[in-house]
C-alpha atoms as a PDB file:
ATOM      1  CA  MET A   1      38.532   4.735  70.441  1.00  0.00           C
ATOM      2  CA  GLU A   2      41.442   2.811  68.994  1.00  0.00           C
ATOM      3  CA  LYS A   3      40.826   1.276  65.588  1.00  0.00           C
ATOM      4  CA  VAL A   4      42.143  -2.093  64.427  1.00  0.00           C
ATOM      5  CA  ILE A   5      42.152  -3.893  61.109  1.00  0.00           C
ATOM      6  CA  ASP A   6      41.319  -7.589  60.650  1.00  0.00           C
ATOM      7  CA  ILE A   7      42.984  -9.150  57.597  1.00  0.00           C
ATOM      8  CA  THR A   8      42.342 -12.623  56.199  1.00  0.00           C
ATOM      9  CA  ALA A   9      43.981 -13.960  53.036  1.00  0.00           C
ATOM     10  CA  LYS A  10      41.980 -16.112  50.656  1.00  0.00           C
ATOM     11  CA  ARG A  11      45.205 -17.988  49.961  1.00  0.00           C
ATOM     12  CA  ASP A  12      47.703 -18.638  52.727  1.00  0.00           C
ATOM     13  CA  GLY A  13      50.964 -16.748  52.204  1.00  0.00           C
ATOM     14  CA  PHE A  14      49.472 -14.040  49.995  1.00  0.00           C
ATOM     15  CA  ARG A  15      51.579 -10.840  50.094  1.00  0.00           C
ATOM     16  CA  ARG A  16      50.296  -7.277  50.023  1.00  0.00           C
ATOM     17  CA  ALA A  17      51.372  -3.980  51.637  1.00  0.00           C
ATOM     18  CA  GLY A  18      54.812  -5.366  52.437  1.00  0.00           C
ATOM     19  CA  MET A  19      53.667  -8.337  54.511  1.00  0.00           C
ATOM     20  CA  VAL A  20      52.572 -11.965  54.265  1.00  0.00           C
ATOM     21  CA  HIS A  21      48.940 -12.677  55.099  1.00  0.00           C
ATOM     22  CA  SER A  22      47.391 -15.872  56.422  1.00  0.00           C
ATOM     23  CA  GLU A  23      44.127 -17.729  55.899  1.00  0.00           C
ATOM     24  CA  GLN A  24      43.626 -17.189  59.623  1.00  0.00           C
ATOM     25  CA  THR A  25      42.346 -13.731  60.478  1.00  0.00           C
ATOM     26  CA  ARG A  26      45.009 -11.502  62.021  1.00  0.00           C
ATOM     27  CA  THR A  27      44.291  -8.249  63.819  1.00  0.00           C
ATOM     28  CA  TYR A  28      46.662  -5.251  63.609  1.00  0.00           C
ATOM     29  CA  PRO A  29      46.538  -1.693  64.972  1.00  0.00           C
ATOM     30  CA  LEU A  30      45.186   0.524  62.190  1.00  0.00           C
ATOM     31  CA  GLY A  31      48.055   2.989  62.719  1.00  0.00           C
ATOM     32  CA  GLN A  32      50.553   0.312  61.609  1.00  0.00           C
ATOM     33  CA  PHE A  33      49.612   0.963  57.970  1.00  0.00           C
ATOM     34  CA  THR A  34      49.991   4.038  55.788  1.00  0.00           C
ATOM     35  CA  LYS A  35      46.995   5.386  53.874  1.00  0.00           C
ATOM     36  CA  GLU A  36      48.420   3.911  50.667  1.00  0.00           C
ATOM     37  CA  GLN A  37      48.851   0.494  52.287  1.00  0.00           C
ATOM     38  CA  LEU A  38      45.269   0.629  53.600  1.00  0.00           C
ATOM     39  CA  LYS A  39      44.020   1.384  50.071  1.00  0.00           C
ATOM     40  CA  GLN A  40      46.058  -1.573  48.755  1.00  0.00           C
ATOM     41  CA  LEU A  41      44.669  -3.886  51.409  1.00  0.00           C
ATOM     42  CA  GLN A  42      41.046  -2.809  51.025  1.00  0.00           C
ATOM     43  CA  SER A  43      41.087  -2.965  47.224  1.00  0.00           C
ATOM     44  CA  GLU A  44      42.775  -6.391  47.075  1.00  0.00           C
ATOM     45  CA  PRO A  45      40.241  -9.109  46.124  1.00  0.00           C
ATOM     46  CA  MET A  46      42.489 -11.815  47.624  1.00  0.00           C
ATOM     47  CA  LEU A  47      42.053 -10.304  51.106  1.00  0.00           C
ATOM     48  CA  VAL A  48      39.092  -9.966  53.443  1.00  0.00           C
ATOM     49  CA  VAL A  49      39.630  -6.702  55.338  1.00  0.00           C
ATOM     50  CA  ALA A  50      37.546  -5.293  58.189  1.00  0.00           C
ATOM     51  CA  ILE A  51      38.266  -2.101  60.139  1.00  0.00           C
ATOM     52  CA  ARG A  52      36.630  -1.904  63.559  1.00  0.00           C
ATOM     53  CA  ASN A  53      36.954  -0.478  67.058  1.00  0.00           C
ATOM     54  CA  LYS A  54      39.393  -2.468  69.152  1.00  0.00           C
ATOM     55  CA  ASP A  55      36.872  -3.135  71.922  1.00  0.00           C
ATOM     56  CA  ASP A  56      34.036  -4.304  69.612  1.00  0.00           C
ATOM     57  CA  ASN A  57      33.759  -8.025  70.416  1.00  0.00           C
ATOM     58  CA  SER A  58      37.031  -8.805  68.704  1.00  0.00           C
ATOM     59  CA  GLY A  59      36.888 -12.510  69.512  1.00  0.00           C
ATOM     60  CA  GLN A  60      33.366 -12.880  68.174  1.00  0.00           C
ATOM     61  CA  GLN A  61      34.156 -10.844  65.058  1.00  0.00           C
ATOM     62  CA  THR A  62      37.332 -12.787  64.399  1.00  0.00           C
ATOM     63  CA  GLY A  63      35.364 -16.022  64.600  1.00  0.00           C
ATOM     64  CA  THR A  64      32.714 -14.588  62.293  1.00  0.00           C
ATOM     65  CA  VAL A  65      35.330 -13.315  59.861  1.00  0.00           C
ATOM     66  CA  ASP A  66      37.018 -16.740  59.890  1.00  0.00           C
ATOM     67  CA  GLU A  67      33.681 -18.434  59.213  1.00  0.00           C
ATOM     68  CA  LEU A  68      32.905 -16.004  56.418  1.00  0.00           C
ATOM     69  CA  ASN A  69      36.381 -16.468  55.004  1.00  0.00           C
ATOM     70  CA  LYS A  70      35.894 -20.252  54.967  1.00  0.00           C
ATOM     71  CA  LYS A  71      32.574 -19.803  53.194  1.00  0.00           C
ATOM     72  CA  ILE A  72      34.192 -17.457  50.684  1.00  0.00           C
ATOM     73  CA  LEU A  73      36.928 -20.016  50.014  1.00  0.00           C
ATOM     74  CA  GLN A  74      34.322 -22.769  49.640  1.00  0.00           C
ATOM     75  CA  LEU A  75      32.270 -20.636  47.247  1.00  0.00           C
ATOM     76  CA  GLU A  76      35.369 -19.758  45.248  1.00  0.00           C
ATOM     77  CA  GLY A  77      36.100 -23.478  44.966  1.00  0.00           C
ATOM     78  CA  ASP A  78      32.526 -24.080  43.824  1.00  0.00           C
ATOM     79  CA  VAL A  79      32.882 -21.307  41.260  1.00  0.00           C
ATOM     80  CA  GLN A  80      36.103 -22.884  39.953  1.00  0.00           C
ATOM     81  CA  ILE A  81      34.313 -26.220  39.580  1.00  0.00           C
ATOM     82  CA  LEU A  82      31.479 -24.518  37.701  1.00  0.00           C
ATOM     83  CA  VAL A  83      33.925 -22.644  35.467  1.00  0.00           C
ATOM     84  CA  THR A  84      35.658 -25.933  34.644  1.00  0.00           C
ATOM     85  CA  GLN A  85      32.316 -27.629  33.963  1.00  0.00           C
ATOM     86  CA  GLU A  86      31.278 -24.734  31.741  1.00  0.00           C
ATOM     87  CA  ALA A  87      34.539 -24.968  29.783  1.00  0.00           C
ATOM     88  CA  ASP A  88      34.025 -28.727  29.359  1.00  0.00           C
ATOM     89  CA  ALA A  89      30.422 -28.180  28.243  1.00  0.00           C
ATOM     90  CA  ARG A  90      31.518 -25.524  25.739  1.00  0.00           C
ATOM     91  CA  LYS A  91      34.174 -27.884  24.378  1.00  0.00           C
ATOM     92  CA  GLN A  92      31.612 -30.684  24.003  1.00  0.00           C
ATOM     93  CA  LEU A  93      29.195 -28.281  22.349  1.00  0.00           C
ATOM     94  CA  ALA A  94      31.874 -27.176  19.890  1.00  0.00           C
ATOM     95  CA  GLU A  95      32.715 -30.804  19.074  1.00  0.00           C
ATOM     96  CA  GLN A  96      29.050 -31.711  18.617  1.00  0.00           C
ATOM     97  CA  THR A  97      28.483 -28.625  16.481  1.00  0.00           C
ATOM     98  CA  ALA A  98      31.413 -29.613  14.246  1.00  0.00           C
ATOM     99  CA  GLU A  99      30.047 -33.154  14.028  1.00  0.00           C
ATOM    100  CA  LEU A 100      26.610 -31.781  13.139  1.00  0.00           C
ATOM    101  CA  GLU A 101      28.106 -29.606  10.399  1.00  0.00           C
ATOM    102  CA  ASP A 102      29.968 -32.641   8.997  1.00  0.00           C
ATOM    103  CA  THR A 103      26.728 -34.627   9.006  1.00  0.00           C
ATOM    104  CA  ARG A 104      24.867 -31.784   7.292  1.00  0.00           C
ATOM    105  CA  GLN A 105      27.575 -31.607   4.624  1.00  0.00           C
ATOM    106  CA  LYS A 106      27.336 -35.361   4.026  1.00  0.00           C
ATOM    107  CA  LEU A 107      23.548 -35.152   3.799  1.00  0.00           C
ATOM    108  CA  THR A 108      23.826 -32.313   1.297  1.00  0.00           C
ATOM    109  CA  GLU A 109      26.260 -34.354  -0.799  1.00  0.00           C
ATOM    110  CA  LEU A 110      24.008 -37.433  -0.609  1.00  0.00           C
ATOM    111  CA  ALA A 111      20.952 -35.375  -1.591  1.00  0.00           C
ATOM    112  CA  SER A 112      22.883 -34.004  -4.554  1.00  0.00           C
ATOM    113  CA  GLU A 113      23.947 -37.513  -5.570  1.00  0.00           C
ATOM    114  CA  LEU A 114      20.370 -38.749  -5.193  1.00  0.00           C
ATOM    115  CA  THR A 115      19.076 -35.920  -7.369  1.00  0.00           C
ATOM    116  CA  THR A 116      21.695 -36.761  -9.995  1.00  0.00           C
ATOM    117  CA  GLU A 117      20.846 -40.452  -9.816  1.00  0.00           C
ATOM    118  CA  ARG A 118      17.138 -39.690 -10.067  1.00  0.00           C
ATOM    119  CA  GLY A 119      17.830 -37.628 -13.164  1.00  0.00           C
ATOM    120  CA  GLN A 120      19.881 -40.460 -14.604  1.00  0.00           C
ATOM    121  CA  SER A 121      17.181 -42.972 -13.668  1.00  0.00           C
ATOM    122  CA  SER A 122      14.569 -40.820 -15.333  1.00  0.00           C
ATOM    123  CA  ALA A 123      16.696 -40.554 -18.490  1.00  0.00           C
ATOM    124  CA  MET A 124      17.290 -44.300 -18.431  1.00  0.00           C
ATOM    125  CA  ALA A 125      13.567 -44.933 -17.963  1.00  0.00           C
ATOM    126  CA  SER A 126      12.832 -42.769 -21.005  1.00  0.00           C
ATOM    127  CA  GLU A 127      15.514 -44.569 -22.991  1.00  0.00           C
ATOM    128  CA  LEU A 128      14.133 -47.946 -21.870  1.00  0.00           C
ATOM    129  CA  GLU A 129      10.629 -46.892 -22.891  1.00  0.00           C
ATOM    130  CA  GLY A 130      11.989 -45.915 -26.292  1.00  0.00           C
ATOM    131  CA  GLU A 131      13.677 -49.301 -26.654  1.00  0.00           C
ATOM    132  CA  ARG A 132      10.440 -51.073 -25.646  1.00  0.00           C
ATOM    133  CA  GLN A 133       8.617 -49.108 -28.280  1.00  0.00           C
ATOM    134  CA  LYS A 134      11.208 -50.163 -30.875  1.00  0.00           C
ATOM    135  CA  VAL A 135      10.817 -53.801 -29.815  1.00  0.00           C
ATOM    136  CA  ALA A 136       7.034 -53.461 -30.040  1.00  0.00           C
ATOM    137  CA  ASP A 137       7.351 -51.907 -33.532  1.00  0.00           C
ATOM    138  CA  LEU A 138       9.787 -54.576 -34.690  1.00  0.00           C
ATOM    139  CA  THR A 139       7.569 -57.298 -33.240  1.00  0.00           C
ATOM    140  CA  ALA A 140       4.592 -55.870 -35.131  1.00  0.00           C
ATOM    141  CA  GLN A 141       6.650 -55.703 -38.329  1.00  0.00           C
ATOM    142  CA  LEU A 142       7.853 -59.263 -37.800  1.00  0.00           C
ATOM    143  CA  GLU A 143       4.299 -60.494 -37.293  1.00  0.00           C
ATOM    144  CA  ALA A 144       3.111 -58.628 -40.370  1.00  0.00           C
ATOM    145  CA  ALA A 145       5.978 -60.048 -42.427  1.00  0.00           C
ATOM    146  CA  THR A 146       5.325 -63.509 -41.095  1.00  0.00           C
ATOM    147  CA  LYS A 147       1.629 -63.272 -42.106  1.00  0.00           C
ATOM    148  CA  LYS A 148       2.593 -62.126 -45.604  1.00  0.00           C
ATOM    149  CA  GLY A 149       5.098 -64.899 -45.974  1.00  0.00           C
ATOM    150  CA  LYS A 150       2.567 -67.607 -45.201  1.00  0.00           C
END
């Protein structure tokens, strides 16, 4: 039985094994290619390659291969969209993480300032209490002196 090879490129005009390949499935006699060329074709991710018997429903298989190729192209497009969306999401995450770190730094600085101000307030409160005590003492002395002077 004569063997043939069906080749479909994922991108029209893609070159491999010394020839240009199309997005439309093309069928060639298997003997047209050397063993090395067949290895190149079968290992190339940009090509969909199927080896079959020439008499095995070639029209039906070609249609099926074309349909599968279209689905592959559609899925590759979907993957590209997802990859782009993932990159955008990672960029947004990085920006938000940087913003969060800035906010944390500001909060740390504000907490430090608040602690310092609380310490100063506490010292001032102690100083104020001392001054009140002095005023109370002086007031008592003034009252005592006023009573003596009368």
